[in-house]
């Protein structure tokens, strides 16, 4: 598990996914953000801004990465129809990278969420 298991290109896609969440266009920075992401907006932004110097042993860093990938794949209702407007990387590729980062098969949308 971890970013060190990913290629440089795959890690960049994870960063882009985090950028997408940081922008607030897909997952709003509203009162539900902490419930959806497991960290509040300020914590998420601190983690994102620390890229690439992340400590994946930190519970909140793991949550931020896990829930970024998980929620972009499964949460934003109806966003899948216009995905290419917010990200170049197809959701199927993000799902593949998520599984590789996780180191195991992803069984459901709520995988790894705390």
Protein backbone atom coordinates (compact mmCIF):
# COMPACT_ATOMS: atom_id res chain seq x y z
CA UNK A 1 0.00 0.00 0.00
CA UNK A 2 1.18 3.48 -0.68
CA UNK A 3 2.39 6.01 -3.16
CA UNK A 4 5.77 4.29 -3.30
CA UNK A 5 4.02 1.36 -5.04
CA UNK A 6 2.88 3.64 -7.87
CA UNK A 7 4.71 4.81 -10.93
CA UNK A 8 5.55 8.49 -11.28
CA UNK A 9 2.61 8.88 -13.67
CA UNK A 10 0.19 7.10 -11.32
CA UNK A 11 1.32 9.27 -8.40
CA UNK A 12 0.69 12.33 -10.53
CA UNK A 13 -2.85 11.13 -11.18
CA UNK A 14 -3.39 10.78 -7.42
CA UNK A 15 -2.12 14.35 -7.01
CA UNK A 16 -4.51 15.50 -9.74
CA UNK A 17 -7.38 13.75 -7.97
CA UNK A 18 -6.48 15.54 -4.75
CA UNK A 19 -6.30 18.81 -6.72
CA UNK A 20 -9.81 18.11 -7.99
CA UNK A 21 -11.05 17.75 -4.40
CA UNK A 22 -9.04 20.78 -3.30
CA UNK A 23 -10.73 22.86 -6.03
CA UNK A 24 -14.14 22.08 -4.54
CA UNK A 25 -15.82 21.59 -7.91
CA UNK A 26 -16.73 17.93 -7.47
CA UNK A 27 -16.82 17.52 -3.69
CA UNK A 28 -18.05 20.77 -2.25
CA UNK A 29 -16.27 22.43 0.65
CA UNK A 30 -19.44 22.57 2.69
CA UNK A 31 -20.76 21.20 5.98
CA UNK A 32 -20.70 17.62 4.61
CA UNK A 33 -17.03 17.66 3.57
CA UNK A 34 -15.66 16.21 6.81
CA UNK A 35 -18.30 13.48 6.88
CA UNK A 36 -17.51 12.54 3.27
CA UNK A 37 -13.73 12.90 3.40
CA UNK A 38 -12.89 11.93 6.99
CA UNK A 39 -10.89 15.14 7.42
CA UNK A 40 -12.05 18.74 7.44
CA UNK A 41 -11.31 21.14 4.59
CA UNK A 42 -8.36 22.79 6.36
CA UNK A 43 -6.76 19.41 7.18
CA UNK A 44 -7.27 18.28 3.59
CA UNK A 45 -5.74 21.45 2.20
CA UNK A 46 -2.72 21.12 4.52
CA UNK A 47 -2.20 17.55 3.32
CA UNK A 48 -2.63 18.50 -0.33
CA UNK A 49 -0.26 21.46 -0.04
CA UNK A 50 2.39 19.21 1.53
CA UNK A 51 2.52 17.09 -1.66
CA UNK A 52 4.80 15.24 -2.38
CA UNK A 53 6.16 15.27 1.17
CA UNK A 54 3.42 13.17 2.69
CA UNK A 55 3.74 10.80 5.64
CA UNK A 56 1.48 7.94 4.66
CA UNK A 57 1.85 6.51 8.15
CA UNK A 58 -0.26 9.43 9.32
CA UNK A 59 -3.90 8.36 9.70
CA UNK A 60 -5.21 11.61 8.20
CA UNK A 61 -2.95 11.43 5.16
CA UNK A 62 -4.19 7.89 4.49
CA UNK A 63 -7.79 9.02 4.93
CA UNK A 64 -7.32 11.98 2.61
CA UNK A 65 -5.83 9.84 -0.17
CA UNK A 66 -8.20 6.91 0.32
CA UNK A 67 -11.31 9.06 0.49
CA UNK A 68 -10.22 11.25 -2.41
CA UNK A 69 -9.92 8.26 -4.73
CA UNK A 70 -12.91 6.44 -3.29
CA UNK A 71 -15.24 9.42 -3.41
CA UNK A 72 -14.26 10.55 -6.87
CA UNK A 73 -15.04 7.06 -8.14
CA UNK A 74 -18.28 6.52 -6.24
CA UNK A 75 -19.73 9.63 -4.66
CA UNK A 76 -20.34 12.59 -6.95
CA UNK A 77 -23.82 11.78 -8.22
CA UNK A 78 -24.25 12.37 -11.95
CA UNK A 79 -20.65 13.65 -12.19
CA UNK A 80 -19.64 10.47 -14.00
CA UNK A 81 -21.56 11.70 -17.06
CA UNK A 82 -19.41 14.82 -17.35
CA UNK A 83 -16.21 13.46 -15.80
CA UNK A 84 -13.99 14.48 -18.71
CA UNK A 85 -14.85 18.12 -17.96
CA UNK A 86 -13.06 17.94 -14.58
CA UNK A 87 -10.40 15.26 -15.09
CA UNK A 88 -8.56 13.86 -18.09
CA UNK A 89 -8.02 10.49 -16.43
CA UNK A 90 -10.95 8.08 -16.86
CA UNK A 91 -12.63 6.80 -13.70
CA UNK A 92 -11.67 3.24 -14.65
CA UNK A 93 -7.97 4.24 -14.55
CA UNK A 94 -8.44 6.00 -11.21
CA UNK A 95 -10.10 2.83 -9.88
CA UNK A 96 -7.13 0.75 -11.08
CA UNK A 97 -4.66 3.13 -9.41
CA UNK A 98 -6.76 3.11 -6.22
CA UNK A 99 -6.51 -0.68 -6.07
CA UNK A 100 -2.78 -0.56 -6.69
CA UNK A 101 -2.32 2.13 -4.00
CA UNK A 102 -4.48 0.14 -1.58
CA UNK A 103 -2.67 -3.11 -2.36
CA UNK A 104 -5.89 -5.07 -2.46
CA UNK A 105 -9.11 -5.39 -4.38
CA UNK A 106 -11.64 -2.63 -3.77
CA UNK A 107 -14.97 -4.28 -3.03
CA UNK A 108 -17.35 -1.37 -2.57
CA UNK A 109 -17.74 2.36 -2.49
CA UNK A 110 -17.27 2.48 1.29
CA UNK A 111 -13.94 0.63 1.13
CA UNK A 112 -11.50 1.90 3.73
CA UNK A 113 -13.63 4.82 4.85
CA UNK A 114 -13.58 5.59 8.57
